Amino acid sequence: MLYFAYGSNLSTKYVRQYTPSAVFVRRALLPNFHIEFRRYSDNLKGGISTIIEAPGEMVHGVIYEVDPGEIAALDILEKVPLGVYRREGFKVMGEDEKWYTAELYRVVKPEGPYTPAKKYVSWMVEGMKEHGIDPAYAKRFVDLYPTLPESSEK
């Protein structure tokens, strides 16, 4: 199954804690959305991301191939059974300029916006660097916490 990651799950190290089979397929874009931190995490003490409709904008992320049997673990991580996030199929454009249908997670009832959780942003930035996400796009997240170890290179 194809899964589009745009937040903390950009980090392979992080996402594999829940889906050990996750294999990077390619970078991809989700058109007409942007990222906002509209869910508060008590554990992380700050906002975590979701996608919000934004005509003309793009969310940069990655497509992973994930064993369908492991998706239940990701659903639990994303609190789908509690109605916090929902998993949906979206069309994303791969860096090969082909369209793919991939599952992604988005907040059911966005709140906030909240100040992004520092640790959450560090996972995002780690994953962006790992996968070579466009540095101009990544900069807006790096600039949230420029002292993060993963964001020390500008």
Protein backbone atom coordinates (compact mmCIF):
# COMPACT_ATOMS: atom_id res chain seq x y z
CA MET A 1 0.00 0.00 0.00
CA LEU A 2 1.23 3.53 -0.76
CA TYR A 3 1.38 6.04 2.09
CA PHE A 4 2.12 9.77 1.69
CA ALA A 5 4.00 11.24 4.67
CA TYR A 6 4.34 14.98 5.20
CA GLY A 7 4.89 15.42 8.96
CA SER A 8 6.90 13.50 11.56
CA ASN A 9 6.58 10.35 9.45
CA LEU A 10 8.90 11.91 6.86
CA SER A 11 11.64 10.49 9.09
CA THR A 12 12.18 6.87 8.11
CA LYS A 13 13.63 6.16 11.54
CA TYR A 14 10.45 7.48 13.18
CA VAL A 15 7.89 5.84 10.86
CA ARG A 16 9.61 2.44 11.03
CA GLN A 17 8.91 2.28 14.76
CA TYR A 18 5.29 1.69 13.75
CA THR A 19 5.59 0.28 10.24
CA PRO A 20 8.88 -1.66 10.02
CA SER A 21 8.15 -2.59 6.41
CA ALA A 22 8.05 1.08 5.25
CA VAL A 23 10.24 1.55 2.18
CA PHE A 24 10.86 4.94 0.59
CA VAL A 25 9.45 5.00 -2.95
CA ARG A 26 9.84 8.64 -4.08
CA ARG A 27 9.33 12.26 -3.19
CA ALA A 28 5.89 13.62 -4.06
CA LEU A 29 3.70 16.72 -3.98
CA LEU A 30 0.15 17.20 -2.76
CA PRO A 31 -1.34 20.16 -4.64
CA ASN A 32 -3.77 22.73 -3.23
CA PHE A 33 -2.94 22.11 0.43
CA HIS A 34 -0.47 23.38 2.98
CA ILE A 35 0.65 22.27 6.43
CA GLU A 36 -0.63 23.83 9.62
CA PHE A 37 -0.13 22.77 13.23
CA ARG A 38 -3.78 22.34 14.18
CA ARG A 39 -3.68 19.49 16.70
CA TYR A 40 -2.18 19.82 20.19
CA SER A 41 -0.08 16.94 21.48
CA ASP A 42 0.05 16.63 25.27
CA ASN A 43 3.00 14.23 24.94
CA LEU A 44 5.02 16.61 22.76
CA LYS A 45 3.74 19.81 24.40
CA GLY A 46 2.90 21.57 21.16
CA GLY A 47 1.22 21.47 17.80
CA ILE A 48 1.42 18.63 15.31
CA SER A 49 0.63 18.89 11.65
CA THR A 50 -2.29 18.38 9.37
CA ILE A 51 -3.07 19.45 5.84
CA ILE A 52 -5.43 22.34 5.17
CA GLU A 53 -6.90 23.24 1.78
CA ALA A 54 -4.95 26.09 0.19
CA PRO A 55 -5.50 26.61 -3.55
CA GLY A 56 -2.25 27.03 -5.45
CA GLU A 57 -0.01 25.77 -2.65
CA MET A 58 1.89 22.46 -2.37
CA VAL A 59 2.75 20.06 0.41
CA HIS A 60 6.07 18.32 -0.14
CA GLY A 61 6.36 14.80 1.21
CA VAL A 62 7.35 11.25 0.44
CA ILE A 63 5.61 8.10 -0.65
CA TYR A 64 6.37 4.93 1.30
CA GLU A 65 5.32 1.41 0.41
CA VAL A 66 3.89 -0.10 3.60
CA ASP A 67 2.69 -3.62 4.26
CA PRO A 68 -1.12 -3.36 4.52
CA GLY A 69 -1.01 -5.51 7.64
CA GLU A 70 0.97 -2.79 9.44
CA ILE A 71 -1.42 0.04 8.63
CA ALA A 72 -3.41 -0.72 11.81
CA ALA A 73 -0.35 0.31 13.88
CA LEU A 74 -0.17 3.59 11.97
CA ASP A 75 -3.91 4.12 12.45
CA ILE A 76 -3.38 3.71 16.21
CA LEU A 77 -0.40 6.10 16.21
CA GLU A 78 -2.53 8.67 14.38
CA LYS A 79 -5.49 8.01 16.74
CA VAL A 80 -7.86 7.07 13.92
CA PRO A 81 -9.94 4.81 16.23
CA LEU A 82 -10.44 7.79 18.56
CA GLY A 83 -11.59 10.04 15.71
CA VAL A 84 -8.62 12.42 15.97
CA TYR A 85 -7.17 11.79 12.50
CA ARG A 86 -8.70 10.03 9.53
CA ARG A 87 -6.91 8.11 6.82
CA GLU A 88 -7.88 9.01 3.26
CA GLY A 89 -6.71 8.27 -0.26
CA PHE A 90 -5.37 11.30 -2.14
CA LYS A 91 -3.80 11.83 -5.54
CA VAL A 92 -0.19 12.97 -5.19
CA MET A 93 2.28 13.74 -7.95
CA GLY A 94 5.53 11.82 -7.74
CA GLU A 95 8.85 13.40 -8.66
CA ASP A 96 8.57 11.30 -11.84
CA GLU A 97 5.55 13.51 -12.76
CA LYS A 98 3.13 10.58 -12.50
CA TRP A 99 0.04 10.59 -10.29
CA TYR A 100 -0.28 8.08 -7.45
CA THR A 101 -3.14 7.34 -5.08
CA ALA A 102 -1.67 7.21 -1.60
CA GLU A 103 -3.15 7.08 1.87
CA LEU A 104 -2.49 10.00 4.20
CA TYR A 105 -3.68 11.22 7.56
CA ARG A 106 -5.40 14.51 8.36
CA VAL A 107 -6.97 15.95 11.50
CA VAL A 108 -10.74 15.47 11.64
CA LYS A 109 -11.47 18.70 13.58
CA PRO A 110 -8.57 21.16 13.22
CA GLU A 111 -8.11 23.46 16.21
CA GLY A 112 -5.55 26.10 17.07
CA PRO A 113 -3.27 26.89 15.32
CA TYR A 114 -0.71 25.89 17.93
CA THR A 115 2.98 26.59 18.35
CA PRO A 116 4.63 23.57 16.72
CA ALA A 117 6.11 20.98 19.08
CA LYS A 118 9.90 21.21 18.89
CA LYS A 119 10.48 17.43 18.83
CA TYR A 120 7.82 17.00 16.13
CA VAL A 121 9.48 19.62 13.94
CA SER A 122 12.84 17.93 14.48
CA TRP A 123 11.41 14.68 13.02
CA MET A 124 9.99 16.61 10.06
CA VAL A 125 13.30 18.37 9.38
CA GLU A 126 15.24 15.11 9.81
CA GLY A 127 12.98 13.44 7.23
CA MET A 128 13.17 16.38 4.82
CA LYS A 129 16.96 16.27 4.88
CA GLU A 130 17.01 12.48 4.65
CA HIS A 131 14.86 12.49 1.52
CA GLY A 132 16.23 15.62 -0.15
CA ILE A 133 13.00 17.65 0.08
CA ASP A 134 13.36 21.02 -1.65
CA PRO A 135 15.50 23.17 0.72
CA ALA A 136 13.40 26.28 0.00
CA TYR A 137 10.29 24.41 1.20
CA ALA A 138 12.10 22.84 4.17
CA LYS A 139 13.42 26.23 5.29
CA ARG A 140 10.02 27.30 6.66
CA PHE A 141 10.16 24.38 9.09
CA VAL A 142 13.88 24.70 9.84
CA ASP A 143 13.26 28.36 10.69
CA LEU A 144 10.69 27.41 13.36
CA TYR A 145 13.53 26.08 15.54
CA PRO A 146 16.88 27.04 13.98
CA THR A 147 18.81 25.56 16.93
CA LEU A 148 17.65 21.99 16.32
CA PRO A 149 20.59 19.62 15.79
CA GLU A 150 19.04 18.41 12.50
CA SER A 151 18.71 22.00 11.28
CA SER A 152 22.19 23.27 12.11
CA GLU A 153 23.15 23.19 8.41
CA LYS A 154 21.41 25.93 6.45
